PDB file of all heavy atoms in Angstrom:
ATOM      1  N   GLN A   1       0.803  -1.142   0.040  1.00  0.00           N
ATOM      2  CA  GLN A   1       0.020   0.071  -0.034  1.00  0.00           C
ATOM      3  C   GLN A   1       0.886   1.208  -0.014  1.00  0.00           C
ATOM      4  O   GLN A   1       1.837   1.361   0.793  1.00  0.00           O
ATOM      5  CB  GLN A   1      -0.868  -0.009   1.257  1.00  0.00           C
ATOM      6  CG  GLN A   1      -1.840   1.190   1.262  1.00  0.00           C
ATOM      7  CD  GLN A   1      -2.743   1.084   2.517  1.00  0.00           C
ATOM      8  OE1 GLN A   1      -2.706   0.176   3.222  1.00  0.00           O
ATOM      9  NE2 GLN A   1      -3.656   2.054   2.583  1.00  0.00           N
ATOM     10  N   VAL A   2       0.586   2.204  -0.866  1.00  0.00           N
ATOM     11  CA  VAL A   2       1.400   3.328  -0.980  1.00  0.00           C
ATOM     12  C   VAL A   2       0.886   4.399  -0.016  1.00  0.00           C
ATOM     13  O   VAL A   2      -0.312   4.584   0.180  1.00  0.00           O
ATOM     14  CB  VAL A   2       1.277   3.958  -2.384  1.00  0.00           C
ATOM     15  CG1 VAL A   2       2.036   5.241  -2.441  1.00  0.00           C
ATOM     16  CG2 VAL A   2       1.723   2.909  -3.494  1.00  0.00           C
ATOM     17  N   GLN A   3       1.846   4.986   0.756  1.00  0.00           N
ATOM     18  CA  GLN A   3       1.506   5.988   1.790  1.00  0.00           C
ATOM     19  C   GLN A   3       2.369   7.231   1.694  1.00  0.00           C
ATOM     20  O   GLN A   3       3.528   7.076   1.198  1.00  0.00           O
ATOM     21  CB  GLN A   3       1.581   5.372   3.167  1.00  0.00           C
ATOM     22  CG  GLN A   3       0.551   4.343   3.443  1.00  0.00           C
ATOM     23  CD  GLN A   3       0.647   3.845   4.880  1.00  0.00           C
ATOM     24  OE1 GLN A   3       1.744   3.677   5.383  1.00  0.00           O
ATOM     25  NE2 GLN A   3      -0.510   3.611   5.441  1.00  0.00           N
ATOM     26  N   LEU A   4       1.905   8.318   2.195  1.00  0.00           N
ATOM     27  CA  LEU A   4       2.661   9.543   2.368  1.00  0.00           C
ATOM     28  C   LEU A   4       2.626   9.884   3.833  1.00  0.00           C
ATOM     29  O   LEU A   4       1.589  10.003   4.447  1.00  0.00           O
ATOM     30  CB  LEU A   4       2.142  10.683   1.566  1.00  0.00           C
ATOM     31  CG  LEU A   4       1.933  10.505   0.060  1.00  0.00           C
ATOM     32  CD1 LEU A   4       1.384  11.719  -0.517  1.00  0.00           C
ATOM     33  CD2 LEU A   4       3.312  10.228  -0.646  1.00  0.00           C
ATOM     34  N   VAL A   5       3.824  10.028   4.358  1.00  0.00           N
ATOM     35  CA  VAL A   5       3.931  10.345   5.865  1.00  0.00           C
ATOM     36  C   VAL A   5       4.649  11.628   6.071  1.00  0.00           C
ATOM     37  O   VAL A   5       5.908  11.680   5.726  1.00  0.00           O
ATOM     38  CB  VAL A   5       4.630   9.218   6.648  1.00  0.00           C
ATOM     39  CG1 VAL A   5       4.677   9.548   8.078  1.00  0.00           C
ATOM     40  CG2 VAL A   5       3.824   7.866   6.369  1.00  0.00           C
ATOM     41  N   GLU A   6       3.959  12.626   6.580  1.00  0.00           N
ATOM     42  CA  GLU A   6       4.653  13.966   6.805  1.00  0.00           C
ATOM     43  C   GLU A   6       5.183  14.011   8.224  1.00  0.00           C
ATOM     44  O   GLU A   6       4.760  13.295   9.166  1.00  0.00           O
ATOM     45  CB  GLU A   6       3.622  15.079   6.685  1.00  0.00           C
ATOM     46  CG  GLU A   6       2.982  15.209   5.407  1.00  0.00           C
ATOM     47  CD  GLU A   6       1.507  14.837   5.420  1.00  0.00           C
ATOM     48  OE1 GLU A   6       1.215  13.950   6.216  1.00  0.00           O
ATOM     49  OE2 GLU A   6       0.721  15.298   4.634  1.00  0.00           O
ATOM     50  N   SER A   7       6.192  14.892   8.349  1.00  0.00           N
ATOM     51  CA  SER A   7       6.783  15.119   9.696  1.00  0.00           C
ATOM     52  C   SER A   7       7.376  16.464   9.669  1.00  0.00           C
ATOM     53  O   SER A   7       7.609  17.107   8.553  1.00  0.00           O
ATOM     54  CB  SER A   7       7.864  14.058  10.068  1.00  0.00           C
ATOM     55  OG  SER A   7       8.878  14.026   9.097  1.00  0.00           O
ATOM     56  N   GLY A   8       7.716  17.034  10.875  1.00  0.00           N
ATOM     57  CA  GLY A   8       8.424  18.339  10.919  1.00  0.00           C
ATOM     58  C   GLY A   8       7.636  19.463  11.332  1.00  0.00           C
ATOM     59  O   GLY A   8       8.168  20.601  11.488  1.00  0.00           O
ATOM     60  N   GLY A   9       6.305  19.338  11.533  1.00  0.00           N
ATOM     61  CA  GLY A   9       5.525  20.442  11.933  1.00  0.00           C
ATOM     62  C   GLY A   9       5.745  20.757  13.400  1.00  0.00           C
ATOM     63  O   GLY A   9       6.460  20.095  14.075  1.00  0.00           O
ATOM     64  N   GLY A  10       5.127  21.872  13.881  1.00  0.00           N
ATOM     65  CA  GLY A  10       5.318  22.245  15.276  1.00  0.00           C
ATOM     66  C   GLY A  10       4.924  23.703  15.442  1.00  0.00           C
ATOM     67  O   GLY A  10       4.447  24.394  14.591  1.00  0.00           O
ATOM     68  N   LEU A  11       5.383  24.221  16.581  1.00  0.00           N
ATOM     69  CA  LEU A  11       5.163  25.614  16.945  1.00  0.00           C
ATOM     70  C   LEU A  11       6.448  26.349  16.783  1.00  0.00           C
ATOM     71  O   LEU A  11       7.576  25.944  17.261  1.00  0.00           O
ATOM     72  CB  LEU A  11       4.709  25.721  18.467  1.00  0.00           C
ATOM     73  CG  LEU A  11       4.594  27.110  19.092  1.00  0.00           C
ATOM     74  CD1 LEU A  11       3.564  27.916  18.406  1.00  0.00           C
ATOM     75  CD2 LEU A  11       4.328  26.981  20.600  1.00  0.00           C
ATOM     76  N   VAL A  12       6.347  27.508  16.117  1.00  0.00           N
ATOM     77  CA  VAL A  12       7.551  28.334  15.935  1.00  0.00           C
ATOM     78  C   VAL A  12       7.107  29.805  15.978  1.00  0.00           C
ATOM     79  O   VAL A  12       5.979  30.167  15.704  1.00  0.00           O
ATOM     80  CB  VAL A  12       8.158  27.986  14.450  1.00  0.00           C
ATOM     81  CG1 VAL A  12       7.143  28.363  13.402  1.00  0.00           C
ATOM     82  CG2 VAL A  12       9.394  28.693  14.316  1.00  0.00           C
ATOM     83  N   GLN A  13       8.017  30.583  16.406  1.00  0.00           N
ATOM     84  CA  GLN A  13       7.828  32.075  16.586  1.00  0.00           C
ATOM     85  C   GLN A  13       7.837  32.718  15.201  1.00  0.00           C
ATOM     86  O   GLN A  13       8.524  32.219  14.248  1.00  0.00           O
ATOM     87  CB  GLN A  13       8.901  32.678  17.497  1.00  0.00           C
ATOM     88  CG  GLN A  13       8.747  32.269  18.932  1.00  0.00           C
ATOM     89  CD  GLN A  13       9.654  33.010  19.770  1.00  0.00           C
ATOM     90  OE1 GLN A  13      10.618  33.719  19.384  1.00  0.00           O
ATOM     91  NE2 GLN A  13       9.408  33.015  21.162  1.00  0.00           N
ATOM     92  N   PRO A  14       7.163  33.842  15.055  1.00  0.00           N
ATOM     93  CA  PRO A  14       7.211  34.594  13.820  1.00  0.00           C
ATOM     94  C   PRO A  14       8.624  34.955  13.490  1.00  0.00           C
ATOM     95  O   PRO A  14       9.443  35.301  14.301  1.00  0.00           O
ATOM     96  CB  PRO A  14       6.370  35.879  14.182  1.00  0.00           C
ATOM     97  CG  PRO A  14       5.454  35.375  15.132  1.00  0.00           C
ATOM     98  CD  PRO A  14       6.228  34.406  16.088  1.00  0.00           C
ATOM     99  N   GLY A  15       8.946  34.734  12.175  1.00  0.00           N
ATOM    100  CA  GLY A  15      10.364  34.978  11.695  1.00  0.00           C
ATOM    101  C   GLY A  15      11.196  33.690  11.744  1.00  0.00           C
ATOM    102  O   GLY A  15      12.311  33.743  11.189  1.00  0.00           O
ATOM    103  N   GLY A  16      10.764  32.679  12.413  1.00  0.00           N
ATOM    104  CA  GLY A  16      11.424  31.500  12.492  1.00  0.00           C
ATOM    105  C   GLY A  16      11.394  30.579  11.295  1.00  0.00           C
ATOM    106  O   GLY A  16      10.751  30.983  10.236  1.00  0.00           O
ATOM    107  N   SER A  17      11.930  29.366  11.363  1.00  0.00           N
ATOM    108  CA  SER A  17      11.935  28.425  10.311  1.00  0.00           C
ATOM    109  C   SER A  17      11.585  27.015  10.689  1.00  0.00           C
ATOM    110  O   SER A  17      11.632  26.653  11.876  1.00  0.00           O
ATOM    111  CB  SER A  17      13.438  28.306   9.671  1.00  0.00           C
ATOM    112  OG  SER A  17      13.827  29.582   9.186  1.00  0.00           O
ATOM    113  N   LEU A  18      11.047  26.288   9.730  1.00  0.00           N
ATOM    114  CA  LEU A  18      10.658  24.856   9.935  1.00  0.00           C
ATOM    115  C   LEU A  18      11.007  24.184   8.638  1.00  0.00           C
ATOM    116  O   LEU A  18      10.879  24.738   7.543  1.00  0.00           O
ATOM    117  CB  LEU A  18       9.218  24.662  10.267  1.00  0.00           C
ATOM    118  CG  LEU A  18       8.746  24.837  11.692  1.00  0.00           C
ATOM    119  CD1 LEU A  18       7.244  24.725  11.855  1.00  0.00           C
ATOM    120  CD2 LEU A  18       9.456  23.930  12.662  1.00  0.00           C
ATOM    121  N   ARG A  19      11.274  22.935   8.697  1.00  0.00           N
ATOM    122  CA  ARG A  19      11.398  22.094   7.532  1.00  0.00           C
ATOM    123  C   ARG A  19      10.454  20.827   7.649  1.00  0.00           C
ATOM    124  O   ARG A  19      10.533  20.077   8.606  1.00  0.00           O
ATOM    125  CB  ARG A  19      12.862  21.551   7.269  1.00  0.00           C
ATOM    126  CG  ARG A  19      12.997  20.894   5.893  1.00  0.00           C
ATOM    127  CD  ARG A  19      14.367  20.511   5.607  1.00  0.00           C
ATOM    128  NE  ARG A  19      14.738  19.237   6.211  1.00  0.00           N
ATOM    129  CZ  ARG A  19      15.663  18.352   5.779  1.00  0.00           C
ATOM    130  NH1 ARG A  19      16.276  18.728   4.604  1.00  0.00           N
ATOM    131  NH2 ARG A  19      15.933  17.287   6.295  1.00  0.00           N
ATOM    132  N   LEU A  20       9.582  20.751   6.695  1.00  0.00           N
ATOM    133  CA  LEU A  20       8.573  19.613   6.638  1.00  0.00           C
ATOM    134  C   LEU A  20       9.243  18.587   5.738  1.00  0.00           C
ATOM    135  O   LEU A  20       9.858  18.901   4.738  1.00  0.00           O
ATOM    136  CB  LEU A  20       7.277  20.117   6.130  1.00  0.00           C
ATOM    137  CG  LEU A  20       6.512  21.231   6.818  1.00  0.00           C
ATOM    138  CD1 LEU A  20       5.192  21.520   6.199  1.00  0.00           C
ATOM    139  CD2 LEU A  20       6.409  20.959   8.269  1.00  0.00           C
ATOM    140  N   SER A  21       8.939  17.322   6.109  1.00  0.00           N
ATOM    141  CA  SER A  21       9.415  16.206   5.232  1.00  0.00           C
ATOM    142  C   SER A  21       8.191  15.365   4.924  1.00  0.00           C
ATOM    143  O   SER A  21       7.227  15.259   5.753  1.00  0.00           O
ATOM    144  CB  SER A  21      10.398  15.333   5.952  1.00  0.00           C
ATOM    145  OG  SER A  21      11.525  16.091   6.294  1.00  0.00           O
ATOM    146  N   CYS A  22       8.167  14.748   3.760  1.00  0.00           N
ATOM    147  CA  CYS A  22       7.081  13.729   3.359  1.00  0.00           C
ATOM    148  C   CYS A  22       7.814  12.524   2.716  1.00  0.00           C
ATOM    149  O   CYS A  22       8.354  12.695   1.639  1.00  0.00           O
ATOM    150  CB  CYS A  22       6.241  14.438   2.440  1.00  0.00           C
ATOM    151  SG  CYS A  22       4.925  13.378   1.672  1.00  0.00           S
ATOM    152  N   ALA A  23       7.675  11.448   3.340  1.00  0.00           N
ATOM    153  CA  ALA A  23       8.357  10.214   2.847  1.00  0.00           C
ATOM    154  C   ALA A  23       7.160   9.403   2.228  1.00  0.00           C
ATOM    155  O   ALA A  23       6.104   9.221   2.762  1.00  0.00           O
ATOM    156  CB  ALA A  23       8.914   9.421   4.018  1.00  0.00           C
ATOM    157  N   ALA A  24       7.539   8.912   0.985  1.00  0.00           N
ATOM    158  CA  ALA A  24       6.609   8.098   0.250  1.00  0.00           C
ATOM    159  C   ALA A  24       7.066   6.663   0.277  1.00  0.00           C
ATOM    160  O   ALA A  24       8.164   6.355   0.044  1.00  0.00           O
ATOM    161  CB  ALA A  24       6.497   8.617  -1.186  1.00  0.00           C
ATOM    162  N   SER A  25       6.152   5.803   0.578  1.00  0.00           N
ATOM    163  CA  SER A  25       6.357   4.378   0.428  1.00  0.00           C
ATOM    164  C   SER A  25       5.797   3.856  -0.872  1.00  0.00           C
ATOM    165  O   SER A  25       4.979   4.532  -1.531  1.00  0.00           O
ATOM    166  CB  SER A  25       5.659   3.609   1.616  1.00  0.00           C
ATOM    167  OG  SER A  25       4.273   3.752   1.473  1.00  0.00           O
ATOM    168  N   GLY A  26       6.261   2.782  -1.320  1.00  0.00           N
ATOM    169  CA  GLY A  26       5.795   2.275  -2.564  1.00  0.00           C
ATOM    170  C   GLY A  26       6.644   2.769  -3.778  1.00  0.00           C
ATOM    171  O   GLY A  26       7.694   3.414  -3.575  1.00  0.00           O
ATOM    172  N   SER A  27       6.178   2.612  -4.960  1.00  0.00           N
ATOM    173  CA  SER A  27       7.019   2.909  -6.113  1.00  0.00           C
ATOM    174  C   SER A  27       6.497   4.165  -6.893  1.00  0.00           C
ATOM    175  O   SER A  27       6.944   4.239  -8.048  1.00  0.00           O
ATOM    176  CB  SER A  27       6.965   1.690  -6.989  1.00  0.00           C
ATOM    177  OG  SER A  27       5.655   1.441  -7.338  1.00  0.00           O
ATOM    178  N   ILE A  28       5.659   4.965  -6.311  1.00  0.00           N
ATOM    179  CA  ILE A  28       5.084   6.052  -7.190  1.00  0.00           C
ATOM    180  C   ILE A  28       5.882   7.296  -7.132  1.00  0.00           C
ATOM    181  O   ILE A  28       5.692   8.177  -8.090  1.00  0.00           O
ATOM    182  CB  ILE A  28       3.657   6.337  -6.743  1.00  0.00           C
ATOM    183  CG1 ILE A  28       3.690   7.027  -5.395  1.00  0.00           C
ATOM    184  CG2 ILE A  28       2.744   5.172  -6.734  1.00  0.00           C
ATOM    185  CD1 ILE A  28       2.480   7.769  -5.047  1.00  0.00           C
ATOM    186  N   PHE A  29       6.862   7.459  -6.194  1.00  0.00           N
ATOM    187  CA  PHE A  29       7.470   8.716  -5.996  1.00  0.00           C
ATOM    188  C   PHE A  29       8.038   9.323  -7.189  1.00  0.00           C
ATOM    189  O   PHE A  29       7.793  10.418  -7.561  1.00  0.00           O
ATOM    190  CB  PHE A  29       8.462   8.619  -4.860  1.00  0.00           C
ATOM    191  CG  PHE A  29       9.051   9.942  -4.489  1.00  0.00           C
ATOM    192  CD1 PHE A  29       8.416  10.742  -3.590  1.00  0.00           C
ATOM    193  CD2 PHE A  29      10.293  10.383  -4.971  1.00  0.00           C
ATOM    194  CE1 PHE A  29       8.990  11.933  -3.145  1.00  0.00           C
ATOM    195  CE2 PHE A  29      10.863  11.584  -4.643  1.00  0.00           C
ATOM    196  CZ  PHE A  29      10.221  12.298  -3.716  1.00  0.00           C
ATOM    197  N   ARG A  30       8.913   8.556  -7.897  1.00  0.00           N
ATOM    198  CA  ARG A  30       9.675   9.099  -9.003  1.00  0.00           C
ATOM    199  C   ARG A  30       8.806   9.403 -10.262  1.00  0.00           C
ATOM    200  O   ARG A  30       9.222  10.155 -11.063  1.00  0.00           O
ATOM    201  CB  ARG A  30      10.788   8.108  -9.337  1.00  0.00           C
ATOM    202  CG  ARG A  30      11.754   7.919  -8.312  1.00  0.00           C
ATOM    203  CD  ARG A  30      12.990   7.131  -8.643  1.00  0.00           C
ATOM    204  NE  ARG A  30      13.688   6.792  -7.420  1.00  0.00           N
ATOM    205  CZ  ARG A  30      14.945   6.186  -7.540  1.00  0.00           C
ATOM    206  NH1 ARG A  30      15.479   5.830  -8.584  1.00  0.00           N
ATOM    207  NH2 ARG A  30      15.527   5.839  -6.335  1.00  0.00           N
TER     208      ARG A  30
END
């Protein structure tokens, strides 16, 4: 089963930075 799993969210102050990631399982990514 193909899935997308996000991570990296959270609470940040204005002006700050975050990096979100999304990992795909299965063979569809490319």
